[in-house]
Amino acid sequence: MLATLHRRLAFWGLLVLFIGIGGAEAAGPVIGTVQSLRGTATVRSSDSPEAPLAVSADVHQGETVRTGAESRLKLLLRDGSTLALGSETELELDSLAMTPGSISLFVQLSGFVHAAIEPLRPGTQFLLRTPSMIAAVRGTEWIQNYEDGKTEIIVTKGHVQASSPLGRSNDRVALTPGEGVAFTLPAPGARSITGEVNHTPVVHWQRSKIEMFEAATREP
């Protein structure tokens, strides 16, 4: 009887270990941690419900984070880069490039993001995407906001290439510090025109507008 009990305990121990390992793999590799938080923020994935985030918590590839009203969240990525989220911001953490030939991809679905990206490792790319724009960088700092199909971006350090998700060459612009642009999705039902440019001219933003973007993503 004692031997039977030991066998049962061993079986359940292995089962718990298997489930734990499977859960860790399902969450994806750790790509960063919560460096600071003011207010509330949550995280969810395709196989786990929404749960609250706290300072020092890990975030994983494949998860989506969201901040609450009047909240701020700063993520420290494994490569040393940081992403500061404003209130009511939703960001998908698709991947972080740590090896040559890989791509860092983050998808911003709403709100403000202030990105400060470390110089990239050789053979890697960093992309921050919204439904209406893709920002591609090698090591720089900028702030962008996405709302109702419109992405506005301002560069504060280095250079950013902003382009339409449609991939047309005339929908691509290069931005330097102080310069901003807006990319907008076509209105629902609007007729597409070949060669249509869906961004505003690149201009130097007024200081008051830059300060508004900075305040929206100011660290906790």
N, C-alpha and C. Protein backbone atom coordinates (compact mmCIF):
# COMPACT_ATOMS: atom_id res chain seq x y z
N MET A 1 0.84 -1.22 0.00
CA MET A 1 0.00 0.00 0.00
C MET A 1 0.87 1.26 0.00
N LEU A 2 1.97 1.20 0.78
CA LEU A 2 2.86 2.35 0.84
C LEU A 2 3.52 2.59 -0.52
N ALA A 3 3.90 1.48 -1.19
CA ALA A 3 4.51 1.61 -2.51
C ALA A 3 3.54 2.22 -3.51
N THR A 4 2.27 1.81 -3.40
CA THR A 4 1.24 2.36 -4.30
C THR A 4 1.07 3.86 -4.07
N LEU A 5 1.10 4.29 -2.80
CA LEU A 5 0.97 5.71 -2.46
C LEU A 5 2.13 6.49 -3.03
N HIS A 6 3.35 5.92 -2.93
CA HIS A 6 4.52 6.61 -3.47
C HIS A 6 4.42 6.77 -4.99
N ARG A 7 3.92 5.72 -5.64
CA ARG A 7 3.76 5.79 -7.10
C ARG A 7 2.76 6.87 -7.48
N ARG A 8 1.67 6.98 -6.73
CA ARG A 8 0.65 8.00 -7.02
C ARG A 8 1.21 9.41 -6.81
N LEU A 9 1.95 9.58 -5.71
CA LEU A 9 2.55 10.89 -5.45
C LEU A 9 3.54 11.27 -6.54
N ALA A 10 4.33 10.29 -6.98
CA ALA A 10 5.28 10.55 -8.05
C ALA A 10 4.56 10.94 -9.33
N PHE A 11 3.44 10.25 -9.63
CA PHE A 11 2.68 10.56 -10.84
C PHE A 11 2.14 11.98 -10.79
N TRP A 12 1.51 12.37 -9.68
CA TRP A 12 0.95 13.71 -9.58
C TRP A 12 2.04 14.78 -9.57
N GLY A 13 3.21 14.44 -8.98
CA GLY A 13 4.31 15.39 -9.02
C GLY A 13 4.79 15.65 -10.43
N LEU A 14 4.92 14.59 -11.22
CA LEU A 14 5.32 14.75 -12.61
C LEU A 14 4.28 15.50 -13.41
N LEU A 15 2.99 15.24 -13.12
CA LEU A 15 1.92 15.93 -13.83
C LEU A 15 1.95 17.42 -13.55
N VAL A 16 2.13 17.79 -12.28
CA VAL A 16 2.21 19.21 -11.92
C VAL A 16 3.41 19.86 -12.59
N LEU A 17 4.56 19.14 -12.60
CA LEU A 17 5.76 19.68 -13.25
C LEU A 17 5.53 19.88 -14.73
N PHE A 18 4.87 18.91 -15.37
CA PHE A 18 4.58 19.01 -16.80
C PHE A 18 3.69 20.21 -17.11
N ILE A 19 2.64 20.37 -16.30
CA ILE A 19 1.72 21.50 -16.50
C ILE A 19 2.44 22.82 -16.30
N GLY A 20 3.32 22.89 -15.29
CA GLY A 20 4.07 24.12 -15.04
C GLY A 20 4.98 24.47 -16.18
N ILE A 21 5.68 23.45 -16.71
CA ILE A 21 6.57 23.70 -17.84
C ILE A 21 5.78 24.14 -19.06
N GLY A 22 4.67 23.47 -19.32
CA GLY A 22 3.84 23.84 -20.46
C GLY A 22 3.33 25.25 -20.36
N GLY A 23 2.94 25.68 -19.14
CA GLY A 23 2.44 27.04 -18.95
C GLY A 23 3.52 28.06 -19.22
N ALA A 24 4.78 27.75 -18.78
CA ALA A 24 5.87 28.69 -18.99
C ALA A 24 6.16 28.85 -20.47
N GLU A 25 6.12 27.73 -21.22
CA GLU A 25 6.38 27.81 -22.64
C GLU A 25 5.27 28.56 -23.36
N ALA A 26 4.01 28.36 -22.91
CA ALA A 26 2.89 29.02 -23.56
C ALA A 26 2.98 30.53 -23.43
N ALA A 27 3.54 30.99 -22.29
CA ALA A 27 3.63 32.42 -22.06
C ALA A 27 4.65 33.08 -22.96
N GLY A 28 5.59 32.32 -23.52
CA GLY A 28 6.62 32.89 -24.36
C GLY A 28 7.79 33.34 -23.51
N PRO A 29 8.95 33.59 -24.12
CA PRO A 29 10.13 34.02 -23.36
C PRO A 29 9.95 35.41 -22.75
N VAL A 30 10.62 35.64 -21.66
CA VAL A 30 10.61 36.96 -21.03
C VAL A 30 11.31 37.95 -21.95
N ILE A 31 10.66 39.08 -22.22
CA ILE A 31 11.30 40.10 -23.05
C ILE A 31 11.54 41.40 -22.29
N GLY A 32 11.05 41.47 -21.04
CA GLY A 32 11.28 42.67 -20.26
C GLY A 32 10.62 42.59 -18.90
N THR A 33 10.74 43.68 -18.14
CA THR A 33 10.13 43.77 -16.82
C THR A 33 9.47 45.13 -16.65
N VAL A 34 8.57 45.20 -15.69
CA VAL A 34 7.92 46.47 -15.35
C VAL A 34 8.90 47.26 -14.48
N GLN A 35 9.41 48.35 -15.01
CA GLN A 35 10.37 49.17 -14.27
C GLN A 35 9.67 50.13 -13.31
N SER A 36 8.55 50.69 -13.74
CA SER A 36 7.81 51.60 -12.87
C SER A 36 6.35 51.61 -13.30
N LEU A 37 5.49 51.94 -12.35
CA LEU A 37 4.04 51.94 -12.60
C LEU A 37 3.36 52.94 -11.68
N ARG A 38 2.52 53.77 -12.27
CA ARG A 38 1.64 54.65 -11.49
C ARG A 38 0.22 54.37 -11.93
N GLY A 39 -0.66 54.10 -11.00
CA GLY A 39 -2.02 53.74 -11.35
C GLY A 39 -2.13 52.24 -11.56
N THR A 40 -2.82 51.83 -12.62
CA THR A 40 -3.05 50.40 -12.85
C THR A 40 -2.65 50.01 -14.27
N ALA A 41 -2.30 48.74 -14.40
CA ALA A 41 -1.99 48.17 -15.71
C ALA A 41 -2.28 46.67 -15.65
N THR A 42 -2.61 46.11 -16.79
CA THR A 42 -2.92 44.68 -16.86
C THR A 42 -2.15 44.03 -18.00
N VAL A 43 -2.09 42.70 -17.95
CA VAL A 43 -1.45 41.93 -19.00
C VAL A 43 -2.33 40.72 -19.31
N ARG A 44 -2.34 40.33 -20.59
CA ARG A 44 -3.10 39.14 -20.99
C ARG A 44 -2.38 38.48 -22.16
N SER A 45 -2.74 37.23 -22.41
CA SER A 45 -2.22 36.52 -23.57
C SER A 45 -3.34 35.68 -24.15
N SER A 46 -3.06 34.99 -25.25
CA SER A 46 -4.09 34.20 -25.91
C SER A 46 -4.55 33.03 -25.05
N ASP A 47 -3.69 32.58 -24.12
CA ASP A 47 -4.09 31.45 -23.30
C ASP A 47 -4.13 31.76 -21.81
N SER A 48 -4.23 33.03 -21.44
CA SER A 48 -4.40 33.38 -20.04
C SER A 48 -5.25 34.65 -19.94
N PRO A 49 -6.11 34.74 -18.92
CA PRO A 49 -6.98 35.91 -18.77
C PRO A 49 -6.20 37.14 -18.33
N GLU A 50 -6.86 38.27 -18.41
CA GLU A 50 -6.23 39.53 -18.01
C GLU A 50 -5.90 39.50 -16.52
N ALA A 51 -4.69 39.96 -16.18
CA ALA A 51 -4.24 39.96 -14.79
C ALA A 51 -3.52 41.27 -14.51
N PRO A 52 -3.53 41.74 -13.25
CA PRO A 52 -2.86 43.00 -12.93
C PRO A 52 -1.35 42.88 -13.02
N LEU A 53 -0.70 43.98 -13.39
CA LEU A 53 0.76 44.07 -13.43
C LEU A 53 1.24 44.83 -12.20
N ALA A 54 2.47 44.52 -11.79
CA ALA A 54 3.09 45.22 -10.67
C ALA A 54 4.55 45.49 -11.01
N VAL A 55 5.16 46.39 -10.28
CA VAL A 55 6.57 46.71 -10.48
C VAL A 55 7.42 45.44 -10.31
N SER A 56 8.40 45.26 -11.19
CA SER A 56 9.32 44.13 -11.21
C SER A 56 8.73 42.87 -11.85
N ALA A 57 7.46 42.91 -12.26
CA ALA A 57 6.86 41.75 -12.92
C ALA A 57 7.46 41.58 -14.32
N ASP A 58 7.63 40.32 -14.73
CA ASP A 58 8.11 40.03 -16.08
C ASP A 58 6.98 40.16 -17.10
N VAL A 59 7.33 40.57 -18.30
CA VAL A 59 6.39 40.52 -19.43
C VAL A 59 7.01 39.61 -20.49
N HIS A 60 6.14 38.94 -21.23
CA HIS A 60 6.58 37.88 -22.12
C HIS A 60 6.18 38.15 -23.57
N GLN A 61 6.93 37.53 -24.46
CA GLN A 61 6.59 37.57 -25.87
C GLN A 61 5.19 37.01 -26.09
N GLY A 62 4.38 37.72 -26.89
CA GLY A 62 3.03 37.28 -27.18
C GLY A 62 1.97 37.85 -26.26
N GLU A 63 2.38 38.58 -25.21
CA GLU A 63 1.40 39.18 -24.29
C GLU A 63 0.99 40.57 -24.76
N THR A 64 -0.12 41.05 -24.22
CA THR A 64 -0.62 42.40 -24.47
C THR A 64 -0.76 43.12 -23.15
N VAL A 65 -0.18 44.31 -23.04
CA VAL A 65 -0.31 45.10 -21.82
C VAL A 65 -1.23 46.29 -22.08
N ARG A 66 -1.92 46.70 -21.04
CA ARG A 66 -2.84 47.85 -21.15
C ARG A 66 -2.82 48.64 -19.86
N THR A 67 -2.76 49.96 -19.99
CA THR A 67 -2.78 50.83 -18.82
C THR A 67 -4.19 51.35 -18.57
N GLY A 68 -4.46 51.66 -17.30
CA GLY A 68 -5.74 52.21 -16.94
C GLY A 68 -5.78 53.73 -17.09
N ALA A 69 -6.91 54.30 -16.73
CA ALA A 69 -7.07 55.75 -16.79
C ALA A 69 -6.10 56.43 -15.83
N GLU A 70 -5.53 57.53 -16.26
CA GLU A 70 -4.59 58.31 -15.45
C GLU A 70 -3.42 57.45 -14.95
N SER A 71 -2.97 56.52 -15.76
CA SER A 71 -1.89 55.61 -15.36
C SER A 71 -0.67 55.80 -16.26
N ARG A 72 0.49 55.35 -15.75
CA ARG A 72 1.74 55.36 -16.51
C ARG A 72 2.45 54.04 -16.24
N LEU A 73 3.06 53.49 -17.27
CA LEU A 73 3.77 52.23 -17.15
C LEU A 73 5.07 52.32 -17.95
N LYS A 74 6.18 51.89 -17.36
CA LYS A 74 7.45 51.87 -18.07
C LYS A 74 8.00 50.46 -18.08
N LEU A 75 8.26 49.94 -19.30
CA LEU A 75 8.83 48.62 -19.48
C LEU A 75 10.30 48.73 -19.81
N LEU A 76 11.12 47.94 -19.13
CA LEU A 76 12.54 47.84 -19.44
C LEU A 76 12.74 46.54 -20.21
N LEU A 77 13.14 46.63 -21.48
CA LEU A 77 13.32 45.45 -22.30
C LEU A 77 14.69 44.83 -22.04
N ARG A 78 14.84 43.57 -22.42
CA ARG A 78 16.08 42.84 -22.16
C ARG A 78 17.29 43.44 -22.86
N ASP A 79 17.07 44.19 -23.95
CA ASP A 79 18.20 44.80 -24.66
C ASP A 79 18.56 46.17 -24.12
N GLY A 80 17.89 46.60 -23.02
CA GLY A 80 18.18 47.90 -22.42
C GLY A 80 17.28 49.02 -22.89
N SER A 81 16.48 48.78 -23.91
CA SER A 81 15.53 49.78 -24.40
C SER A 81 14.37 49.93 -23.42
N THR A 82 13.67 51.06 -23.49
CA THR A 82 12.50 51.26 -22.64
C THR A 82 11.30 51.71 -23.47
N LEU A 83 10.12 51.32 -23.03
CA LEU A 83 8.86 51.75 -23.61
C LEU A 83 7.99 52.29 -22.48
N ALA A 84 7.70 53.60 -22.52
CA ALA A 84 6.85 54.23 -21.51
C ALA A 84 5.46 54.43 -22.10
N LEU A 85 4.45 53.90 -21.43
CA LEU A 85 3.07 53.95 -21.92
C LEU A 85 2.28 54.99 -21.15
N GLY A 86 1.49 55.79 -21.87
CA GLY A 86 0.58 56.73 -21.24
C GLY A 86 -0.69 56.03 -20.79
N SER A 87 -1.66 56.81 -20.36
CA SER A 87 -2.91 56.24 -19.87
C SER A 87 -3.73 55.64 -21.01
N GLU A 88 -4.47 54.59 -20.69
CA GLU A 88 -5.36 53.91 -21.62
C GLU A 88 -4.64 53.57 -22.94
N THR A 89 -3.45 53.02 -22.78
CA THR A 89 -2.64 52.60 -23.91
C THR A 89 -2.59 51.08 -23.96
N GLU A 90 -2.72 50.52 -25.15
CA GLU A 90 -2.67 49.07 -25.33
C GLU A 90 -1.53 48.73 -26.29
N LEU A 91 -0.68 47.78 -25.88
CA LEU A 91 0.51 47.46 -26.65
C LEU A 91 0.71 45.95 -26.69
N GLU A 92 0.83 45.40 -27.90
CA GLU A 92 1.12 43.98 -28.08
C GLU A 92 2.63 43.78 -28.13
N LEU A 93 3.13 42.82 -27.35
CA LEU A 93 4.56 42.54 -27.27
C LEU A 93 4.86 41.32 -28.14
N ASP A 94 5.00 41.55 -29.43
CA ASP A 94 5.14 40.43 -30.36
C ASP A 94 6.49 39.73 -30.26
N SER A 95 7.59 40.49 -30.30
CA SER A 95 8.91 39.84 -30.29
C SER A 95 9.98 40.85 -29.96
N LEU A 96 11.13 40.35 -29.45
CA LEU A 96 12.29 41.18 -29.16
C LEU A 96 13.50 40.53 -29.82
N ALA A 97 14.20 41.29 -30.67
CA ALA A 97 15.34 40.76 -31.41
C ALA A 97 16.57 40.66 -30.51
N MET A 98 17.05 39.43 -30.32
CA MET A 98 18.25 39.21 -29.52
C MET A 98 19.33 38.48 -30.31
N THR A 99 19.01 38.03 -31.53
CA THR A 99 19.98 37.31 -32.36
C THR A 99 19.96 37.88 -33.77
N PRO A 100 21.06 37.78 -34.52
CA PRO A 100 21.10 38.29 -35.89
C PRO A 100 20.00 37.71 -36.75
N GLY A 101 19.42 38.58 -37.59
CA GLY A 101 18.35 38.14 -38.48
C GLY A 101 16.97 38.20 -37.86
N SER A 102 16.85 38.62 -36.60
CA SER A 102 15.53 38.68 -35.94
C SER A 102 15.02 40.11 -35.89
N ILE A 103 13.74 40.25 -35.56
CA ILE A 103 13.06 41.54 -35.58
C ILE A 103 12.35 41.77 -34.25
N SER A 104 12.51 42.96 -33.70
CA SER A 104 11.69 43.40 -32.57
C SER A 104 10.42 44.02 -33.14
N LEU A 105 9.27 43.53 -32.69
CA LEU A 105 8.01 44.05 -33.19
C LEU A 105 7.06 44.28 -32.04
N PHE A 106 6.55 45.50 -31.93
CA PHE A 106 5.56 45.88 -30.94
C PHE A 106 4.41 46.57 -31.68
N VAL A 107 3.18 46.22 -31.33
CA VAL A 107 2.01 46.77 -32.02
C VAL A 107 1.20 47.61 -31.05
N GLN A 108 1.11 48.90 -31.36
CA GLN A 108 0.39 49.86 -30.52
C GLN A 108 -1.04 49.98 -31.02
N LEU A 109 -2.00 49.62 -30.19
CA LEU A 109 -3.40 49.63 -30.58
C LEU A 109 -4.15 50.87 -30.11
N SER A 110 -3.57 51.58 -29.14
CA SER A 110 -4.21 52.82 -28.65
C SER A 110 -3.22 53.56 -27.76
N GLY A 111 -3.48 54.86 -27.57
CA GLY A 111 -2.75 55.65 -26.60
C GLY A 111 -1.38 56.14 -27.03
N PHE A 112 -0.56 56.50 -26.01
CA PHE A 112 0.76 57.09 -26.21
C PHE A 112 1.86 56.10 -25.83
N VAL A 113 2.94 56.09 -26.62
CA VAL A 113 4.14 55.32 -26.29
C VAL A 113 5.36 56.21 -26.51
N HIS A 114 6.22 56.26 -25.50
CA HIS A 114 7.51 56.95 -25.59
C HIS A 114 8.58 55.87 -25.65
N ALA A 115 9.24 55.74 -26.79
CA ALA A 115 10.23 54.68 -26.99
C ALA A 115 11.63 55.26 -26.95
N ALA A 116 12.50 54.63 -26.16
CA ALA A 116 13.92 54.98 -26.12
C ALA A 116 14.69 53.70 -26.42
N ILE A 117 15.19 53.58 -27.65
CA ILE A 117 15.74 52.32 -28.14
C ILE A 117 17.26 52.37 -28.15
N GLU A 118 17.86 51.35 -27.56
CA GLU A 118 19.31 51.22 -27.56
C GLU A 118 19.81 50.87 -28.97
N PRO A 119 21.07 51.19 -29.29
CA PRO A 119 21.61 50.78 -30.60
C PRO A 119 21.40 49.29 -30.83
N LEU A 120 20.92 48.94 -32.01
CA LEU A 120 20.54 47.56 -32.27
C LEU A 120 21.75 46.66 -32.46
N ARG A 121 21.55 45.40 -32.14
CA ARG A 121 22.57 44.40 -32.41
C ARG A 121 22.66 44.20 -33.92
N PRO A 122 23.85 43.83 -34.43
CA PRO A 122 24.01 43.63 -35.88
C PRO A 122 22.98 42.65 -36.44
N GLY A 123 22.40 43.01 -37.57
CA GLY A 123 21.48 42.11 -38.24
C GLY A 123 20.08 42.05 -37.67
N THR A 124 19.73 43.01 -36.79
CA THR A 124 18.39 43.03 -36.21
C THR A 124 17.64 44.29 -36.62
N GLN A 125 16.33 44.30 -36.42
CA GLN A 125 15.48 45.46 -36.71
C GLN A 125 14.56 45.72 -35.53
N PHE A 126 14.12 46.98 -35.39
CA PHE A 126 13.14 47.34 -34.36
C PHE A 126 12.00 48.08 -35.03
N LEU A 127 10.78 47.56 -34.87
CA LEU A 127 9.59 48.15 -35.47
C LEU A 127 8.53 48.38 -34.40
N LEU A 128 7.96 49.58 -34.38
CA LEU A 128 6.79 49.88 -33.56
C LEU A 128 5.66 50.22 -34.52
N ARG A 129 4.62 49.40 -34.52
CA ARG A 129 3.58 49.50 -35.55
C ARG A 129 2.24 49.88 -34.94
N THR A 130 1.50 50.69 -35.68
CA THR A 130 0.09 50.95 -35.39
C THR A 130 -0.70 50.52 -36.63
N PRO A 131 -2.01 50.53 -36.59
CA PRO A 131 -2.76 50.20 -37.80
C PRO A 131 -2.49 51.13 -38.99
N SER A 132 -1.98 52.35 -38.73
CA SER A 132 -1.78 53.30 -39.83
C SER A 132 -0.33 53.68 -40.09
N MET A 133 0.64 53.16 -39.29
CA MET A 133 2.03 53.58 -39.48
C MET A 133 2.99 52.55 -38.91
N ILE A 134 4.19 52.49 -39.50
CA ILE A 134 5.28 51.67 -38.96
C ILE A 134 6.47 52.58 -38.72
N ALA A 135 7.00 52.57 -37.50
CA ALA A 135 8.22 53.30 -37.18
C ALA A 135 9.36 52.30 -37.13
N ALA A 136 10.40 52.54 -37.94
CA ALA A 136 11.57 51.67 -38.00
C ALA A 136 12.78 52.47 -37.53
N VAL A 137 13.56 51.89 -36.59
CA VAL A 137 14.69 52.64 -36.02
C VAL A 137 15.88 51.71 -35.84
N ARG A 138 17.03 52.35 -35.54
CA ARG A 138 18.24 51.58 -35.20
C ARG A 138 18.73 51.92 -33.80
N GLY A 139 18.27 52.98 -33.23
CA GLY A 139 18.67 53.38 -31.89
C GLY A 139 18.36 54.86 -31.73
N THR A 140 17.24 55.17 -31.13
CA THR A 140 16.79 56.56 -31.09
C THR A 140 15.68 56.71 -30.06
N GLU A 141 15.05 57.90 -30.04
CA GLU A 141 14.00 58.17 -29.05
C GLU A 141 12.89 58.98 -29.71
N TRP A 142 11.66 58.59 -29.47
CA TRP A 142 10.52 59.30 -30.04
C TRP A 142 9.26 58.99 -29.26
N ILE A 143 8.21 59.78 -29.52
CA ILE A 143 6.90 59.59 -28.88
C ILE A 143 5.86 59.52 -29.97
N GLN A 144 4.92 58.60 -29.83
CA GLN A 144 3.84 58.54 -30.81
C GLN A 144 2.51 58.25 -30.12
N ASN A 145 1.44 58.70 -30.78
CA ASN A 145 0.08 58.52 -30.27
C ASN A 145 -0.76 57.91 -31.38
N TYR A 146 -1.59 56.93 -31.02
CA TYR A 146 -2.52 56.35 -31.99
C TYR A 146 -3.93 56.44 -31.44
N GLU A 147 -4.82 57.00 -32.27
CA GLU A 147 -6.23 57.12 -31.88
C GLU A 147 -7.09 57.28 -33.13
N ASP A 148 -8.14 56.46 -33.20
CA ASP A 148 -9.13 56.55 -34.29
C ASP A 148 -8.49 56.57 -35.68
N GLY A 149 -7.55 55.66 -35.93
CA GLY A 149 -6.95 55.54 -37.25
C GLY A 149 -5.82 56.50 -37.54
N LYS A 150 -5.48 57.38 -36.60
CA LYS A 150 -4.46 58.40 -36.83
C LYS A 150 -3.26 58.19 -35.91
N THR A 151 -2.06 58.15 -36.49
CA THR A 151 -0.83 58.07 -35.72
C THR A 151 -0.05 59.36 -35.87
N GLU A 152 0.28 59.98 -34.75
CA GLU A 152 1.15 61.16 -34.74
C GLU A 152 2.45 60.79 -34.06
N ILE A 153 3.57 61.22 -34.66
CA ILE A 153 4.88 60.86 -34.12
C ILE A 153 5.79 62.07 -34.10
N ILE A 154 6.57 62.20 -33.01
CA ILE A 154 7.56 63.26 -32.89
C ILE A 154 8.88 62.63 -32.45
N VAL A 155 9.98 62.97 -33.13
CA VAL A 155 11.29 62.44 -32.80
C VAL A 155 12.00 63.41 -31.87
N THR A 156 12.57 62.88 -30.79
CA THR A 156 13.29 63.72 -29.84
C THR A 156 14.80 63.49 -29.88
N LYS A 157 15.22 62.35 -30.45
CA LYS A 157 16.65 62.03 -30.53
C LYS A 157 16.88 61.03 -31.65
N GLY A 158 17.93 61.24 -32.44
CA GLY A 158 18.26 60.29 -33.50
C GLY A 158 17.36 60.44 -34.72
N HIS A 159 17.14 59.33 -35.41
CA HIS A 159 16.36 59.34 -36.64
C HIS A 159 15.33 58.20 -36.63
N VAL A 160 14.19 58.45 -37.24
CA VAL A 160 13.13 57.44 -37.37
C VAL A 160 12.63 57.45 -38.80
N GLN A 161 12.46 56.27 -39.37
CA GLN A 161 11.78 56.16 -40.66
C GLN A 161 10.35 55.75 -40.40
N ALA A 162 9.40 56.58 -40.82
CA ALA A 162 7.98 56.30 -40.65
C ALA A 162 7.37 55.98 -42.01
N SER A 163 6.55 54.96 -42.05
CA SER A 163 5.97 54.56 -43.33
C SER A 163 4.58 54.00 -43.14
N SER A 164 3.85 53.93 -44.24
CA SER A 164 2.52 53.34 -44.24
C SER A 164 2.63 51.82 -44.21
N PRO A 165 1.72 51.12 -43.53
CA PRO A 165 1.72 49.66 -43.57
C PRO A 165 1.50 49.11 -44.98
N LEU A 166 1.03 49.96 -45.91
CA LEU A 166 0.81 49.51 -47.29
C LEU A 166 2.11 49.28 -48.03
N GLY A 167 3.21 49.85 -47.52
CA GLY A 167 4.52 49.57 -48.10
C GLY A 167 4.85 50.34 -49.36
N ARG A 168 4.10 51.41 -49.68
CA ARG A 168 4.40 52.17 -50.90
C ARG A 168 5.56 53.12 -50.65
N SER A 169 6.42 53.27 -51.64
CA SER A 169 7.64 54.06 -51.46
C SER A 169 7.34 55.53 -51.20
N ASN A 170 6.24 56.05 -51.75
CA ASN A 170 5.93 57.47 -51.54
C ASN A 170 5.23 57.70 -50.20
N ASP A 171 5.00 56.64 -49.44
CA ASP A 171 4.42 56.77 -48.11
C ASP A 171 5.47 56.53 -47.04
N ARG A 172 6.71 56.94 -47.31
CA ARG A 172 7.82 56.72 -46.38
C ARG A 172 8.54 58.04 -46.18
N VAL A 173 8.78 58.40 -44.90
CA VAL A 173 9.46 59.66 -44.60
C VAL A 173 10.54 59.42 -43.55
N ALA A 174 11.56 60.26 -43.56
CA ALA A 174 12.63 60.21 -42.56
C ALA A 174 12.48 61.41 -41.64
N LEU A 175 12.55 61.16 -40.34
CA LEU A 175 12.35 62.20 -39.34
C LEU A 175 13.60 62.40 -38.51
N THR A 176 13.92 63.66 -38.21
CA THR A 176 15.03 64.02 -37.35
C THR A 176 14.48 64.72 -36.11
N PRO A 177 15.32 64.99 -35.09
CA PRO A 177 14.81 65.59 -33.85
C PRO A 177 14.00 66.86 -34.08
N GLY A 178 12.85 66.92 -33.44
CA GLY A 178 11.94 68.06 -33.54
C GLY A 178 10.94 67.94 -34.66
N GLU A 179 11.13 66.97 -35.55
CA GLU A 179 10.21 66.81 -36.67
C GLU A 179 9.11 65.81 -36.34
N GLY A 180 7.91 66.11 -36.86
CA GLY A 180 6.77 65.23 -36.64
C GLY A 180 5.96 65.06 -37.90
N VAL A 181 5.11 64.05 -37.90
CA VAL A 181 4.25 63.75 -39.04
C VAL A 181 3.05 62.97 -38.52
N ALA A 182 2.00 62.92 -39.31
CA ALA A 182 0.81 62.14 -38.96
C ALA A 182 0.42 61.25 -40.12
N PHE A 183 0.16 59.99 -39.82
CA PHE A 183 -0.33 59.02 -40.80
C PHE A 183 -1.77 58.67 -40.44
N THR A 184 -2.64 58.67 -41.44
CA THR A 184 -4.06 58.42 -41.19
C THR A 184 -4.60 57.35 -42.11
N LEU A 185 -5.39 56.45 -41.56
CA LEU A 185 -6.06 55.44 -42.36
C LEU A 185 -7.14 56.09 -43.21
N PRO A 186 -7.40 55.57 -44.41
CA PRO A 186 -8.51 56.10 -45.21
C PRO A 186 -9.82 55.96 -44.46
N ALA A 187 -10.71 56.92 -44.65
CA ALA A 187 -12.01 56.86 -43.99
C ALA A 187 -12.78 55.64 -44.48
N PRO A 188 -13.60 55.03 -43.62
CA PRO A 188 -14.37 53.87 -44.05
C PRO A 188 -15.20 54.17 -45.31
N GLY A 189 -15.07 53.33 -46.30
CA GLY A 189 -15.82 53.53 -47.54
C GLY A 189 -15.16 54.44 -48.54
N ALA A 190 -14.01 55.04 -48.16
CA ALA A 190 -13.32 55.94 -49.09
C ALA A 190 -12.71 55.14 -50.22
N ARG A 191 -12.73 55.70 -51.42
CA ARG A 191 -12.17 55.04 -52.59
C ARG A 191 -10.65 55.21 -52.59
N SER A 192 -9.93 54.09 -52.74
CA SER A 192 -8.48 54.13 -52.76
C SER A 192 -7.97 54.69 -54.09
N ILE A 193 -6.99 55.57 -54.03
CA ILE A 193 -6.39 56.16 -55.22
C ILE A 193 -4.95 55.69 -55.33
N THR A 194 -4.56 55.17 -56.48
CA THR A 194 -3.20 54.68 -56.66
C THR A 194 -2.21 55.80 -56.42
N GLY A 195 -1.21 55.53 -55.58
CA GLY A 195 -0.20 56.53 -55.28
C GLY A 195 -0.64 57.54 -54.23
N GLU A 196 -1.81 57.35 -53.65
CA GLU A 196 -2.30 58.27 -52.64
C GLU A 196 -1.37 58.27 -51.43
N VAL A 197 -1.01 59.45 -50.94
CA VAL A 197 -0.17 59.59 -49.76
C VAL A 197 -1.07 59.84 -48.56
N ASN A 198 -0.90 59.02 -47.53
CA ASN A 198 -1.79 59.15 -46.38
C ASN A 198 -1.09 59.76 -45.18
N HIS A 199 -0.10 60.63 -45.42
CA HIS A 199 0.54 61.31 -44.30
C HIS A 199 0.63 62.81 -44.57
N THR A 200 0.74 63.58 -43.51
CA THR A 200 0.90 65.02 -43.62
C THR A 200 2.34 65.34 -44.00
N PRO A 201 2.64 66.57 -44.39
CA PRO A 201 4.04 66.95 -44.59
C PRO A 201 4.81 66.86 -43.28
N VAL A 202 6.09 66.59 -43.37
CA VAL A 202 6.97 66.59 -42.20
C VAL A 202 7.24 68.03 -41.80
N VAL A 203 7.00 68.36 -40.54
CA VAL A 203 7.20 69.73 -40.05
C VAL A 203 7.86 69.70 -38.68
N HIS A 204 8.45 70.82 -38.30
CA HIS A 204 8.95 70.99 -36.94
C HIS A 204 7.76 71.37 -36.04
N TRP A 205 7.52 70.57 -35.04
CA TRP A 205 6.38 70.83 -34.16
C TRP A 205 6.66 72.01 -33.24
N GLN A 206 5.59 72.70 -32.86
CA GLN A 206 5.70 73.75 -31.86
C GLN A 206 6.01 73.12 -30.51
N ARG A 207 6.74 73.87 -29.69
CA ARG A 207 7.16 73.35 -28.39
C ARG A 207 5.97 72.95 -27.53
N SER A 208 4.86 73.66 -27.62
CA SER A 208 3.70 73.36 -26.79
C SER A 208 3.14 71.96 -27.10
N LYS A 209 3.16 71.57 -28.38
CA LYS A 209 2.65 70.25 -28.75
C LYS A 209 3.62 69.16 -28.30
N ILE A 210 4.92 69.41 -28.43
CA ILE A 210 5.91 68.44 -27.96
C ILE A 210 5.76 68.22 -26.46
N GLU A 211 5.57 69.31 -25.72
CA GLU A 211 5.41 69.20 -24.26
C GLU A 211 4.16 68.42 -23.90
N MET A 212 3.10 68.53 -24.69
CA MET A 212 1.89 67.76 -24.44
C MET A 212 2.16 66.27 -24.60
N PHE A 213 2.91 65.89 -25.64
CA PHE A 213 3.26 64.48 -25.85
C PHE A 213 4.18 63.98 -24.72
N GLU A 214 5.12 64.82 -24.31
CA GLU A 214 6.02 64.43 -23.21
C GLU A 214 5.25 64.23 -21.92
N ALA A 215 4.29 65.12 -21.63
CA ALA A 215 3.50 64.99 -20.40
C ALA A 215 2.64 63.72 -20.43
N ALA A 216 2.16 63.35 -21.61
CA ALA A 216 1.29 62.17 -21.71
C ALA A 216 2.02 60.88 -21.43
N THR A 217 3.36 60.89 -21.53
CA THR A 217 4.13 59.66 -21.32
C THR A 217 5.17 59.82 -20.22
N ARG A 218 5.04 60.88 -19.41
CA ARG A 218 6.04 61.12 -18.38
C ARG A 218 6.10 59.96 -17.41
N GLU A 219 7.32 59.57 -17.06
CA GLU A 219 7.52 58.39 -16.22
C GLU A 219 6.93 58.60 -14.83
N PRO A 220 6.50 57.50 -14.22
CA PRO A 220 5.95 57.58 -12.86
C PRO A 220 6.96 58.15 -11.87
